[in-house]
Each structure stands twice: as structure tokens, then as C-alpha cells.
Protein backbone atom coordinates (compact mmCIF):
# COMPACT_ATOMS: atom_id res chain seq x y z
CA MET A 1 15.44 -1.14 20.19
CA LYS A 2 13.00 -0.30 22.30
CA LEU A 3 10.02 1.22 21.36
CA HIS A 4 7.44 3.51 22.85
CA PRO A 5 5.14 1.75 24.85
CA GLN A 6 1.81 2.62 23.01
CA LEU A 7 3.97 1.41 19.42
CA THR A 8 4.97 -1.83 21.07
CA ARG A 9 0.78 -2.22 22.52
CA LEU A 10 -0.09 -1.55 18.33
CA GLY A 11 2.24 -3.73 17.17
CA LEU A 12 0.90 -6.52 19.73
CA ALA A 13 -2.36 -5.94 18.39
CA LEU A 14 -1.16 -6.73 15.07
CA VAL A 15 0.08 -9.98 16.44
CA VAL A 16 -3.16 -11.32 17.59
CA LEU A 17 -4.70 -10.74 14.19
CA ALA A 18 -2.18 -11.65 11.86
CA GLY A 19 -0.44 -14.28 12.99
CA PRO A 20 3.16 -14.70 14.00
CA VAL A 21 4.92 -11.11 14.19
CA TRP A 22 7.00 -11.32 11.25
CA ALA A 23 6.10 -14.20 9.10
CA LYS A 24 2.46 -12.61 8.09
CA ILE A 25 3.71 -8.88 7.80
CA PRO A 26 0.99 -6.74 5.83
CA ASN A 27 1.82 -6.57 2.06
CA ALA A 28 4.69 -9.94 2.63
CA ALA A 29 3.47 -10.08 -1.67
CA PRO A 30 7.39 -10.67 -3.11
CA ALA A 31 8.31 -8.42 -6.24
CA THR A 32 7.48 -10.73 -8.55
CA ALA A 33 5.43 -14.33 -8.55
CA PRO A 34 5.93 -17.51 -10.34
CA ASP A 35 3.39 -17.50 -13.04
CA GLN A 36 3.01 -21.00 -12.64
CA LYS A 37 1.71 -20.33 -9.67
CA THR A 38 -3.01 -20.71 -9.64
CA GLU A 39 -3.94 -17.49 -7.38
CA ILE A 40 -7.41 -17.72 -6.31
CA THR A 41 -9.20 -13.46 -6.89
CA PRO A 42 -11.02 -14.05 -3.04
CA LEU A 43 -14.94 -12.11 -3.46
CA ALA A 44 -14.42 -12.28 0.55
CA LEU A 45 -11.98 -11.74 3.72
CA PRO A 46 -12.78 -12.90 7.03
CA GLY A 47 -13.05 -9.96 8.96
CA SER A 48 -13.90 -8.00 6.34
CA GLU A 49 -16.36 -6.71 4.03
CA PRO A 50 -16.18 -6.72 0.21
CA PHE A 51 -17.61 -4.06 -2.53
CA VAL A 52 -17.41 -4.62 -5.97
CA PHE A 53 -15.59 -0.61 -6.93
CA ARG A 54 -15.07 -1.30 -10.96
CA LYS A 55 -16.58 -3.39 -13.41
CA ILE A 56 -14.50 -4.45 -16.73
CA GLY A 57 -16.79 -6.15 -19.28
CA ALA A 58 -17.76 -9.89 -16.95
CA THR A 59 -14.55 -8.56 -14.43
CA GLU A 60 -15.88 -7.57 -11.19
CA LEU A 61 -13.28 -5.79 -9.33
CA ARG A 62 -13.43 -6.01 -5.57
CA LEU A 63 -12.01 -3.87 -1.83
CA HIS A 64 -12.62 -5.48 1.49
CA VAL A 65 -12.92 -2.94 3.81
CA VAL A 66 -12.19 -3.46 7.89
CA LYS A 67 -14.88 -1.18 10.74
CA PRO A 68 -12.69 -0.41 14.01
CA ALA A 69 -14.25 -1.14 16.83
CA GLY A 70 -16.83 1.40 17.92
CA TRP A 71 -17.24 2.23 14.01
CA ASN A 72 -20.44 4.20 12.78
CA ALA A 73 -21.02 6.16 9.58
CA GLY A 74 -21.23 9.55 11.68
CA ASN A 75 -17.53 9.27 13.09
CA LYS A 76 -15.96 10.54 9.88
CA ARG A 77 -12.56 8.82 10.49
CA ALA A 78 -9.14 8.55 8.68
CA CYS A 79 -8.64 5.29 6.23
CA LEU A 80 -5.35 3.68 5.13
CA VAL A 81 -6.36 2.10 1.68
CA SER A 82 -3.80 -0.75 1.01
CA PHE A 83 -2.02 -2.31 -2.11
CA PHE A 84 -0.67 -5.55 -2.13
CA GLY A 85 3.05 -6.03 -4.21
CA GLY A 86 3.95 -9.12 -6.74
CA GLY A 87 5.07 -7.56 -9.65
CA TRP A 88 1.82 -6.32 -11.40
CA SER A 89 1.65 -9.61 -11.50
CA GLY A 90 0.99 -12.20 -8.57
CA GLY A 91 -0.77 -11.00 -5.40
CA THR A 92 -4.35 -10.54 -3.85
CA PRO A 93 -5.66 -8.53 -1.57
CA GLU A 94 -5.46 -11.54 1.11
CA SER A 95 -2.28 -9.97 1.68
CA SER A 96 -2.61 -6.16 2.21
CA VAL A 97 -6.08 -6.98 4.08
CA ASN A 98 -3.36 -6.97 7.24
CA TRP A 99 -2.50 -3.46 6.77
CA SER A 100 -6.20 -2.56 7.13
CA LYS A 101 -6.85 -5.04 10.37
CA TRP A 102 -4.09 -3.30 12.16
CA ALA A 103 -5.20 0.43 10.48
CA ALA A 104 -8.57 -0.92 12.47
CA THR A 105 -7.02 -0.99 15.10
CA GLN A 106 -5.76 2.28 14.85
CA GLY A 107 -8.77 3.37 14.83
CA MET A 108 -9.17 3.80 11.61
CA VAL A 109 -10.73 2.10 8.38
CA GLY A 110 -8.61 -0.40 6.44
CA ILE A 111 -9.71 -0.78 2.97
CA ALA A 112 -7.92 -3.90 0.55
CA PRO A 113 -8.69 -2.99 -2.76
CA ASP A 114 -7.67 -6.18 -5.49
CA TYR A 115 -6.05 -4.97 -8.77
CA ARG A 116 -6.20 -6.62 -12.88
CA THR A 117 -2.43 -8.50 -11.99
CA ARG A 118 -1.28 -10.80 -14.96
CA GLN A 119 -1.82 -14.02 -13.40
CA ARG A 120 -4.98 -13.55 -12.58
CA PHE A 121 -6.82 -10.73 -15.18
CA GLN A 122 -3.54 -10.82 -17.67
CA GLY A 123 -4.20 -7.45 -17.13
CA THR A 124 -1.08 -4.65 -17.52
CA PRO A 125 1.30 -2.79 -15.27
CA GLU A 126 -1.21 0.00 -16.60
CA ASP A 127 -4.34 -2.00 -15.34
CA CYS A 128 -3.19 -1.90 -12.33
CA VAL A 129 -2.60 2.06 -12.15
CA ALA A 130 -6.42 2.30 -13.17
CA ASP A 131 -7.32 0.29 -11.32
CA GLY A 132 -5.70 1.76 -8.12
CA ARG A 133 -6.98 4.67 -8.87
CA ALA A 134 -10.57 3.77 -9.97
CA ALA A 135 -10.28 2.31 -6.43
CA LEU A 136 -9.48 5.65 -4.34
CA SER A 137 -12.61 7.73 -6.32
CA TRP A 138 -14.83 4.85 -5.14
CA ILE A 139 -13.90 4.78 -1.72
CA ARG A 140 -14.55 9.13 -2.00
CA GLU A 141 -17.27 8.67 -3.66
CA HIS A 142 -18.82 6.17 -0.56
CA ALA A 143 -17.25 7.76 2.71
CA GLU A 144 -20.02 9.09 3.90
CA LYS A 145 -21.26 4.94 3.88
CA LEU A 146 -17.96 3.60 4.82
CA GLY A 147 -17.93 6.54 7.52
CA ILE A 148 -14.32 7.67 6.22
CA ASP A 149 -13.59 12.00 5.74
CA PRO A 150 -12.69 12.10 2.42
CA GLN A 151 -10.15 14.41 3.33
CA LYS A 152 -8.03 11.82 5.20
CA ILE A 153 -7.27 9.07 3.37
CA VAL A 154 -3.95 7.64 3.78
CA VAL A 155 -2.72 5.20 0.43
CA SER A 156 -0.26 2.62 1.30
CA GLY A 157 1.62 0.32 -0.27
CA ALA A 158 4.65 -2.47 -1.80
CA SER A 159 7.00 -3.44 -4.47
CA ALA A 160 4.58 -3.25 -7.29
CA GLY A 161 1.55 -2.15 -5.06
CA GLY A 162 3.82 1.10 -3.72
CA HIS A 163 3.90 1.70 -7.19
CA VAL A 164 -0.09 1.98 -7.97
CA ALA A 165 -0.40 4.03 -4.60
CA ALA A 166 2.05 6.57 -5.71
CA TRP A 167 0.20 6.73 -8.79
CA THR A 168 -2.94 7.63 -6.52
CA ALA A 169 -1.51 10.87 -5.82
CA ILE A 170 -0.19 11.96 -9.61
CA THR A 171 -2.64 14.88 -10.53
CA ALA A 172 -2.84 13.98 -14.43
CA LYS A 173 -4.30 11.18 -16.83
CA GLY A 174 -3.13 7.76 -16.32
CA PRO A 175 -0.51 5.66 -17.99
CA GLY A 176 -3.62 3.71 -19.76
CA PRO A 177 -6.68 4.31 -20.94
CA ASN A 178 -9.85 5.34 -18.91
CA ASP A 179 -7.84 6.45 -16.60
CA PRO A 180 -8.55 10.01 -16.02
CA ALA A 181 -7.04 11.79 -13.40
CA PRO A 182 -8.31 12.14 -9.65
CA ALA A 183 -9.93 14.76 -8.33
CA VAL A 184 -7.87 14.99 -5.05
CA GLN A 185 -4.81 13.83 -3.52
CA PRO A 186 -4.51 11.37 -0.83
CA ALA A 187 -3.69 12.75 2.69
CA ALA A 188 -0.33 11.27 2.79
CA LEU A 189 1.83 8.17 1.41
CA VAL A 190 3.53 4.76 2.80
CA LEU A 191 5.77 3.57 0.27
CA ILE A 192 7.61 -0.53 1.63
CA ASN A 193 10.26 -1.19 -1.13
CA PRO A 194 8.27 0.66 -3.58
CA VAL A 195 8.37 0.02 -7.14
CA THR A 196 9.27 3.81 -8.21
CA ASP A 197 11.44 4.15 -11.56
CA THR A 198 10.15 1.89 -14.68
CA LYS A 199 12.69 2.78 -17.36
CA GLU A 200 15.54 1.41 -17.59
CA GLY A 201 17.67 1.18 -14.76
CA GLY A 202 14.41 1.14 -12.14
CA TYR A 203 12.20 -2.38 -11.76
CA GLY A 204 12.21 -4.11 -14.39
CA GLY A 205 12.48 -1.40 -17.28
CA PRO A 206 10.95 -0.96 -21.16
CA LYS A 207 11.08 -5.62 -20.92
CA ARG A 208 8.01 -5.60 -18.79
CA PHE A 209 6.27 -3.43 -21.11
CA ASN A 210 6.93 -5.20 -23.83
CA ASN A 211 9.89 -3.73 -24.69
CA LYS A 212 8.49 -0.42 -25.38
CA PRO A 213 10.50 2.51 -23.51
CA GLU A 214 7.71 4.79 -24.20
CA ARG A 215 5.33 2.93 -22.02
CA ALA A 216 8.02 2.71 -18.95
CA LEU A 217 8.54 6.62 -18.90
CA ALA A 218 4.50 6.74 -19.01
CA CYS A 219 4.13 4.64 -15.65
CA SER A 220 7.56 5.57 -14.05
CA VAL A 221 6.72 8.10 -11.10
CA PRO A 222 8.99 11.00 -10.49
CA ASP A 223 8.79 11.40 -13.57
CA GLN A 224 4.82 11.65 -14.63
CA MET A 225 4.35 12.86 -10.93
CA PRO A 226 3.53 16.90 -9.60
CA ALA A 227 5.81 19.06 -8.25
CA ARG A 228 3.35 19.03 -5.26
CA MET A 229 2.74 15.79 -3.02
CA PRO A 230 1.21 14.32 -0.22
CA PRO A 231 3.83 13.84 3.05
CA THR A 232 5.01 10.81 1.75
CA LEU A 233 7.11 8.00 3.92
CA VAL A 234 8.78 5.52 2.71
CA PHE A 235 11.07 2.23 3.50
CA HIS A 236 13.88 0.17 1.86
CA GLY A 237 16.25 -2.06 2.54
CA THR A 238 20.02 -1.02 1.14
CA GLY A 239 20.59 -4.65 -0.34
CA ASP A 240 17.19 -4.86 -2.61
CA ALA A 241 18.21 -6.59 -5.40
CA THR A 242 14.89 -6.68 -6.83
CA VAL A 243 13.94 -3.24 -6.64
CA PRO A 244 16.45 -1.15 -6.26
CA TYR A 245 17.27 0.70 -3.24
CA ALA A 246 18.79 4.00 -5.80
CA ASN A 247 15.43 4.19 -7.19
CA SER A 248 14.04 5.43 -3.69
CA VAL A 249 17.07 7.63 -2.97
CA ALA A 250 16.02 9.25 -5.87
CA PHE A 251 12.20 9.13 -5.37
CA ARG A 252 12.84 10.69 -1.84
CA ASP A 253 15.68 13.85 -3.48
CA LYS A 254 12.91 14.86 -6.57
CA LEU A 255 10.05 15.11 -3.94
CA LEU A 256 12.66 17.17 -1.21
CA ALA A 257 13.81 19.58 -4.41
CA HIS A 258 10.38 20.34 -4.79
CA LYS A 259 9.49 21.43 -1.12
CA ASN A 260 7.94 17.99 0.13
CA SER A 261 7.61 16.35 3.14
CA CYS A 262 9.41 13.11 2.27
CA LYS A 263 11.04 10.41 4.86
CA LEU A 264 13.22 7.87 3.50
CA VAL A 265 13.84 4.74 6.04
CA SER A 266 16.35 2.84 5.69
CA PHE A 267 17.63 -0.68 6.60
CA GLU A 268 21.44 -1.27 5.91
CA GLY A 269 22.09 -4.47 3.92
CA LEU A 270 18.49 -6.05 4.17
CA GLY A 271 16.67 -7.00 0.75
CA HIS A 272 13.29 -7.07 -1.08
CA SER A 273 10.51 -8.01 1.39
CA TYR A 274 12.55 -6.52 4.08
CA TYR A 275 10.77 -7.06 7.22
CA THR A 276 9.81 -11.12 6.27
CA SER A 277 11.62 -14.48 8.12
CA LYS A 278 14.04 -14.61 5.47
CA PHE A 279 15.97 -11.72 7.37
CA GLY A 280 16.15 -13.91 10.89
CA GLU A 281 15.98 -11.05 14.00
CA ALA A 282 17.25 -7.94 12.10
CA GLY A 283 13.68 -8.80 9.82
CA LYS A 284 11.92 -8.84 13.25
CA VAL A 285 13.77 -5.47 13.77
CA ALA A 286 12.50 -4.34 10.68
CA TYR A 287 9.29 -4.99 11.21
CA GLU A 288 8.27 -3.68 14.19
CA LYS A 289 10.62 -0.32 12.67
CA THR A 290 8.19 0.05 10.13
CA LEU A 291 4.81 -0.92 12.34
CA GLY A 292 5.96 2.07 14.80
CA ASP A 293 7.20 4.55 12.21
CA THR A 294 4.20 4.74 10.19
CA ALA A 295 2.05 4.98 13.71
CA SER A 296 4.19 7.89 13.65
CA PHE A 297 4.41 9.09 10.99
CA LEU A 298 0.06 8.94 10.98
CA ALA A 299 -0.66 10.44 14.76
CA SER A 300 2.54 13.03 13.15
CA LEU A 301 -0.31 14.21 10.26
CA GLY A 302 -2.70 13.88 13.26
CA LEU A 303 -4.58 11.08 11.49
CA ILE A 304 -4.41 8.68 14.51
CA GLY A 305 -5.13 9.34 18.26
CA ARG A 306 -8.37 10.28 18.96
CA HIS A 307 -10.19 7.15 18.14
CA ALA A 308 -6.74 4.73 18.42
CA ALA A 309 -6.92 4.88 22.46
CA ASP A 310 -10.26 3.54 22.59
CA VAL A 311 -10.04 0.81 19.89
CA LYS A 312 -9.79 -3.31 20.82
CA PRO A 313 -8.83 -5.58 18.96
CA ALA A 314 -11.26 -8.17 17.52
CA ALA A 315 -10.56 -11.54 18.67
CA PRO A 316 -7.97 -13.64 16.83
CA SER A 317 -9.70 -15.64 13.90
CA ALA A 318 -8.94 -19.43 13.35
CA PRO A 319 -5.12 -20.16 11.92
């Protein structure tokens, strides 16, 4: 596969920042993480600045901000908010911050929020949704300080992080407590093998909701989203045995039926986390296409381009 020279340079920038091109792809957390694995909540991540965006009792949730070269608060740049995956059970912003670093090479402000997973916070899927939406509200409220145009916030996520991301565009009260409707939808969504349908036949089904079908329905993106949704780009492997590929097809079809803009990029035969090294050369090609198509999508919306040409990647950190 041959990429446009500019997109090739963008991919190389991420290699410098994140290591081997397809071994450390952004949002490379698996859909489900083993319960026995001990995960540590990162209070800070290299190359980013942490901010507490939500306090729930003694729990503080942080988001990690990566600023592009030449940043100043008066720029009012576009922003990419990236949520990690992990089946609402595991994962941390340590994986999604790689997307934030990539966004910075495009002249965007990149942000990787945390949310209450089951392993680290005994959180529920509803808690994860509420935290994602709270992060976006905080970013909008602090847009001037962050040098962000609040009308140019793109939200992305992989796997369960894609579910959290999609819920930031739903203009209704969330499925859990203390989760008001967002004031404004994101400018766009970029979803990677996302969890959308959470009912029977979707990811997890009622068993992930304490065997309560009503909870699974209340969390299901296609069943709760409004008729009008932001422009959406979806990536999914057709051989995904974790999050059904058919769910992304149905999600795309429903968006298009309501005259929304949605493109589904399919990777024939590849499984969940299709962009990782376990899929060999095909995974590498899929990784490069994911980066290239995302850059083209954001450029088509006028969200990158003005600053991107002047951006120089930061010096790589030690492995």
C-alpha cells in the first residue's frame, strides 16, 4: 500500500514518539483485561500535563494533555480526545496518550482522559460513560486555558473506549447517575473496533450488566443516540471475535439512514485490535491505513492542516 507522502511523514512522526510503528499503536489495549493483572492509575505521563477533571468522593480522575510545538493559549486549535479500551474493566490512559502525541504532530491539542474501570475503581460501564462525558465538559469549560476551539473537539476511542467516545455525542441524560446531557456534540468521532451495541448479540450483552437487559439497552449507543450525530469514521476488522463486526455495520447503516456522515473502513479477515503485531504484515498495513485515513478525515473537516505543516515532533523519550 502506498501512502501520500505527507501521511507517510505523519506516520514516521508517531514512530519516533511511540516506538515500533505497530507494536505500540495508539489505543492498543485489549477489549478485556484479565482481572488478576494489577494496574496502576497514572498520575502523570511523559510528554503530557495532568489535570484533575472530576472528583468522586476520594477518587480523583485525571486527563493528560499533550500540546503541539508552537502552542500558545491564543491559538484556539482543534483537539483530539482519546479514550483507551479494556472492556470497561481494564486499561489506563498510558495506551491512549499515544494518540494524543500523534494529534500533537498534526498541530492539535491531544488529551487522554482516565475513567472508572472495574479493576482500578470498581466502576460500572455506566460510570465509564459518565466519566467520559464529564471529561469532555471539563475540556470545553477550560478550552481557553488549553488553547482549544470548543467547536473543534474530536473524540476517539478503541473498543470499550469507542463506546465511551460515542456516548459523548448522545444529547440525552446518560444511563448512570450524575450524568447530564452534554451541552454540545463533538465535531467528529473516530472509533476503532468500537463497542456500540451492548444488548444481546452485541459486546457483552446483559451478562456484563449484572444480567439486567434494561441496563444493557440503556447503554447501547444505536438505541440511545439522537437522529443527528457528528461526522463519524469507524475502523473494524471483519474477523473480530470480541466485538462483532456486524455491530459496526449496523451502526453505520443507522447513521446513514438518518442522513449523517459515516464511513466504515473494514479490514478483511483481521480480528480485534487488528492493528497490532499479532496480525503480522497485514496488521502493519492496517495500522498505516488507520493513521492515514484518520488524517485525511480530519483534514476534510478542516480540523488539521493550518498548523500541521509547521509541527515538529518532540525528541523521543528513552524506551
